[in-house]
Amino acid sequence: MKINWKVRLKHKPFLVGTFSLLLLLIQQIGTLFGFDTTIYNDQVTDIFNTVLALLVLFGVVSDPTTPGMNDSERALNYDKSKGEIK
């Protein structure tokens, strides 16, 4: 697996997703060790966690070689991934 970390670390959606993932991980580790990580109440905490999970998803699936959340014109024309057998 080859990843261009130089480009990926400059891509804002990836950074937001990574930061959100770290927040979720810290919260889960804190809960594991008995720290109360409830923000206001359980329902608000659940909504906050869902928003963080969505940010992680957007950060992971975004293409760092294009601006915003869009795929490149070339990628939009793919019928299958590059590694698939013909």
N, C-alpha and C. Protein backbone atom coordinates (compact mmCIF):
# COMPACT_ATOMS: atom_id res chain seq x y z
N MET A 1 0.85 -1.17 0.00
CA MET A 1 0.00 0.00 0.00
C MET A 1 0.90 1.23 0.00
N LYS A 2 0.77 2.02 -1.05
CA LYS A 2 1.56 3.24 -1.15
C LYS A 2 0.64 4.43 -0.93
N ILE A 3 1.00 5.28 0.01
CA ILE A 3 0.22 6.46 0.34
C ILE A 3 1.13 7.67 0.28
N ASN A 4 0.68 8.69 -0.41
CA ASN A 4 1.44 9.94 -0.50
C ASN A 4 1.10 10.78 0.73
N TRP A 5 1.82 10.54 1.83
CA TRP A 5 1.52 11.22 3.10
C TRP A 5 1.74 12.72 3.01
N LYS A 6 2.67 13.14 2.17
CA LYS A 6 2.96 14.57 2.03
C LYS A 6 1.71 15.32 1.54
N VAL A 7 1.03 14.75 0.56
CA VAL A 7 -0.18 15.36 0.02
C VAL A 7 -1.34 15.17 1.00
N ARG A 8 -1.47 13.98 1.55
CA ARG A 8 -2.60 13.67 2.43
C ARG A 8 -2.59 14.54 3.68
N LEU A 9 -1.42 14.81 4.25
CA LEU A 9 -1.34 15.60 5.47
C LEU A 9 -1.60 17.09 5.23
N LYS A 10 -1.65 17.50 3.97
CA LYS A 10 -2.00 18.89 3.64
C LYS A 10 -3.48 19.02 3.29
N HIS A 11 -4.20 17.91 3.21
CA HIS A 11 -5.60 17.89 2.79
C HIS A 11 -6.51 18.06 4.01
N LYS A 12 -7.26 19.16 4.06
CA LYS A 12 -8.05 19.51 5.24
C LYS A 12 -9.07 18.45 5.65
N PRO A 13 -9.84 17.85 4.72
CA PRO A 13 -10.78 16.80 5.16
C PRO A 13 -10.08 15.63 5.84
N PHE A 14 -8.91 15.25 5.36
CA PHE A 14 -8.16 14.17 5.99
C PHE A 14 -7.74 14.56 7.41
N LEU A 15 -7.28 15.80 7.58
CA LEU A 15 -6.86 16.25 8.90
C LEU A 15 -8.04 16.32 9.87
N VAL A 16 -9.19 16.80 9.40
CA VAL A 16 -10.38 16.86 10.23
C VAL A 16 -10.81 15.45 10.63
N GLY A 17 -10.78 14.52 9.67
CA GLY A 17 -11.13 13.13 9.96
C GLY A 17 -10.18 12.50 10.96
N THR A 18 -8.90 12.76 10.82
CA THR A 18 -7.90 12.21 11.74
C THR A 18 -8.08 12.78 13.14
N PHE A 19 -8.31 14.08 13.23
CA PHE A 19 -8.52 14.72 14.53
C PHE A 19 -9.79 14.17 15.20
N SER A 20 -10.85 13.99 14.42
CA SER A 20 -12.10 13.44 14.95
C SER A 20 -11.89 12.01 15.45
N LEU A 21 -11.14 11.24 14.69
CA LEU A 21 -10.85 9.87 15.10
C LEU A 21 -10.08 9.85 16.42
N LEU A 22 -9.12 10.74 16.55
CA LEU A 22 -8.35 10.81 17.81
C LEU A 22 -9.24 11.20 18.99
N LEU A 23 -10.18 12.14 18.78
CA LEU A 23 -11.11 12.51 19.84
C LEU A 23 -11.97 11.33 20.28
N LEU A 24 -12.48 10.58 19.30
CA LEU A 24 -13.29 9.40 19.63
C LEU A 24 -12.46 8.35 20.37
N LEU A 25 -11.23 8.15 19.94
CA LEU A 25 -10.36 7.17 20.59
C LEU A 25 -10.04 7.58 22.02
N ILE A 26 -9.73 8.86 22.22
CA ILE A 26 -9.45 9.35 23.58
C ILE A 26 -10.67 9.18 24.47
N GLN A 27 -11.84 9.48 23.92
CA GLN A 27 -13.07 9.33 24.70
C GLN A 27 -13.30 7.87 25.09
N GLN A 28 -13.10 6.95 24.17
CA GLN A 28 -13.30 5.54 24.47
C GLN A 28 -12.28 5.02 25.47
N ILE A 29 -11.04 5.44 25.36
CA ILE A 29 -10.01 5.02 26.32
C ILE A 29 -10.32 5.59 27.70
N GLY A 30 -10.77 6.85 27.75
CA GLY A 30 -11.16 7.45 29.02
C GLY A 30 -12.29 6.69 29.69
N THR A 31 -13.30 6.31 28.90
CA THR A 31 -14.42 5.53 29.43
C THR A 31 -13.95 4.18 29.93
N LEU A 32 -13.02 3.58 29.22
CA LEU A 32 -12.47 2.28 29.62
C LEU A 32 -11.81 2.36 31.00
N PHE A 33 -11.16 3.48 31.29
CA PHE A 33 -10.48 3.65 32.56
C PHE A 33 -11.34 4.36 33.61
N GLY A 34 -12.64 4.52 33.34
CA GLY A 34 -13.56 5.03 34.34
C GLY A 34 -13.77 6.53 34.36
N PHE A 35 -13.25 7.26 33.38
CA PHE A 35 -13.48 8.69 33.31
C PHE A 35 -14.83 8.96 32.67
N ASP A 36 -15.59 9.88 33.23
CA ASP A 36 -16.89 10.24 32.67
C ASP A 36 -16.67 11.25 31.55
N THR A 37 -16.96 10.85 30.33
CA THR A 37 -16.73 11.72 29.17
C THR A 37 -18.04 12.28 28.63
N THR A 38 -19.09 12.25 29.44
CA THR A 38 -20.37 12.79 29.02
C THR A 38 -20.27 14.30 28.88
N ILE A 39 -20.71 14.83 27.76
CA ILE A 39 -20.61 16.27 27.49
C ILE A 39 -21.67 17.02 28.29
N TYR A 40 -22.92 16.78 28.01
CA TYR A 40 -24.02 17.43 28.71
C TYR A 40 -24.94 16.36 29.28
N ASN A 41 -25.39 15.48 28.41
CA ASN A 41 -26.11 14.28 28.82
C ASN A 41 -25.80 13.20 27.79
N ASP A 42 -26.30 12.01 28.02
CA ASP A 42 -25.97 10.90 27.13
C ASP A 42 -26.42 11.13 25.69
N GLN A 43 -27.57 11.76 25.51
CA GLN A 43 -28.10 11.98 24.17
C GLN A 43 -27.22 12.98 23.39
N VAL A 44 -26.81 14.05 24.04
CA VAL A 44 -25.93 15.03 23.39
C VAL A 44 -24.58 14.40 23.07
N THR A 45 -24.08 13.58 23.97
CA THR A 45 -22.81 12.89 23.74
C THR A 45 -22.92 11.95 22.54
N ASP A 46 -24.03 11.24 22.42
CA ASP A 46 -24.24 10.35 21.28
C ASP A 46 -24.29 11.12 19.97
N ILE A 47 -24.94 12.27 19.96
CA ILE A 47 -25.00 13.11 18.75
C ILE A 47 -23.60 13.61 18.40
N PHE A 48 -22.86 14.05 19.39
CA PHE A 48 -21.49 14.52 19.19
C PHE A 48 -20.63 13.40 18.59
N ASN A 49 -20.76 12.19 19.12
CA ASN A 49 -19.99 11.05 18.62
C ASN A 49 -20.38 10.71 17.18
N THR A 50 -21.66 10.84 16.85
CA THR A 50 -22.10 10.58 15.48
C THR A 50 -21.51 11.61 14.52
N VAL A 51 -21.50 12.88 14.92
CA VAL A 51 -20.90 13.92 14.08
C VAL A 51 -19.41 13.65 13.89
N LEU A 52 -18.72 13.26 14.95
CA LEU A 52 -17.30 12.94 14.83
C LEU A 52 -17.09 11.75 13.89
N ALA A 53 -17.94 10.74 14.00
CA ALA A 53 -17.82 9.56 13.13
C ALA A 53 -18.04 9.94 11.66
N LEU A 54 -18.98 10.83 11.39
CA LEU A 54 -19.20 11.29 10.02
C LEU A 54 -18.00 12.07 9.50
N LEU A 55 -17.41 12.89 10.35
CA LEU A 55 -16.21 13.63 9.94
C LEU A 55 -15.06 12.68 9.63
N VAL A 56 -14.94 11.61 10.41
CA VAL A 56 -13.92 10.59 10.14
C VAL A 56 -14.19 9.97 8.78
N LEU A 57 -15.44 9.60 8.52
CA LEU A 57 -15.80 8.99 7.24
C LEU A 57 -15.47 9.91 6.08
N PHE A 58 -15.83 11.18 6.16
CA PHE A 58 -15.55 12.12 5.08
C PHE A 58 -14.05 12.32 4.89
N GLY A 59 -13.30 12.32 5.98
CA GLY A 59 -11.86 12.50 5.88
C GLY A 59 -11.16 11.31 5.26
N VAL A 60 -11.72 10.12 5.46
CA VAL A 60 -11.09 8.91 4.94
C VAL A 60 -11.42 8.71 3.46
N VAL A 61 -12.66 9.00 3.06
CA VAL A 61 -13.06 8.70 1.68
C VAL A 61 -12.77 9.83 0.70
N SER A 62 -12.35 10.98 1.18
CA SER A 62 -12.10 12.09 0.27
C SER A 62 -10.80 11.87 -0.50
N ASP A 63 -10.76 12.39 -1.71
CA ASP A 63 -9.60 12.27 -2.58
C ASP A 63 -8.68 13.47 -2.34
N PRO A 64 -7.49 13.26 -1.78
CA PRO A 64 -6.62 14.39 -1.46
C PRO A 64 -5.99 15.06 -2.67
N THR A 65 -6.17 14.48 -3.84
CA THR A 65 -5.56 15.07 -5.04
C THR A 65 -6.49 16.05 -5.73
N THR A 66 -7.69 16.25 -5.17
CA THR A 66 -8.64 17.20 -5.75
C THR A 66 -9.13 18.14 -4.65
N PRO A 67 -9.52 19.35 -5.01
CA PRO A 67 -10.06 20.26 -3.99
C PRO A 67 -11.45 19.83 -3.55
N GLY A 68 -11.77 20.05 -2.29
CA GLY A 68 -13.10 19.72 -1.78
C GLY A 68 -13.32 18.23 -1.64
N MET A 69 -14.59 17.81 -1.76
CA MET A 69 -14.95 16.40 -1.57
C MET A 69 -15.18 15.68 -2.89
N ASN A 70 -14.86 16.29 -4.01
CA ASN A 70 -15.11 15.69 -5.31
C ASN A 70 -13.97 14.79 -5.75
N ASP A 71 -14.29 13.82 -6.62
CA ASP A 71 -13.26 13.02 -7.28
C ASP A 71 -12.78 13.77 -8.51
N SER A 72 -11.61 13.41 -8.99
CA SER A 72 -11.10 14.03 -10.20
C SER A 72 -11.91 13.54 -11.41
N GLU A 73 -11.81 14.28 -12.50
CA GLU A 73 -12.52 13.88 -13.72
C GLU A 73 -12.09 12.48 -14.15
N ARG A 74 -10.82 12.19 -14.02
CA ARG A 74 -10.29 10.87 -14.40
C ARG A 74 -10.90 9.78 -13.53
N ALA A 75 -10.99 10.03 -12.24
CA ALA A 75 -11.54 9.02 -11.33
C ALA A 75 -13.02 8.80 -11.56
N LEU A 76 -13.73 9.84 -11.98
CA LEU A 76 -15.17 9.69 -12.25
C LEU A 76 -15.44 8.77 -13.44
N ASN A 77 -14.46 8.60 -14.32
CA ASN A 77 -14.65 7.75 -15.50
C ASN A 77 -14.22 6.31 -15.28
N TYR A 78 -13.72 5.96 -14.11
CA TYR A 78 -13.31 4.58 -13.84
C TYR A 78 -14.53 3.67 -13.74
N ASP A 79 -14.44 2.49 -14.35
CA ASP A 79 -15.47 1.47 -14.20
C ASP A 79 -15.11 0.49 -13.10
N LYS A 80 -13.82 0.38 -12.81
CA LYS A 80 -13.32 -0.49 -11.74
C LYS A 80 -12.01 0.07 -11.23
N SER A 81 -11.59 -0.40 -10.07
CA SER A 81 -10.35 0.12 -9.50
C SER A 81 -9.15 -0.36 -10.31
N LYS A 82 -8.05 0.33 -10.14
CA LYS A 82 -6.84 0.04 -10.92
C LYS A 82 -6.32 -1.38 -10.67
N GLY A 83 -6.48 -1.88 -9.46
CA GLY A 83 -5.94 -3.18 -9.10
C GLY A 83 -6.83 -4.37 -9.46
N GLU A 84 -8.04 -4.12 -9.94
CA GLU A 84 -8.95 -5.22 -10.28
C GLU A 84 -8.46 -5.98 -11.50
N ILE A 85 -8.70 -7.29 -11.48
CA ILE A 85 -8.34 -8.14 -12.63
C ILE A 85 -9.36 -7.91 -13.73
N LYS A 86 -8.88 -7.84 -14.96
CA LYS A 86 -9.77 -7.57 -16.10
C LYS A 86 -10.59 -8.76 -16.48
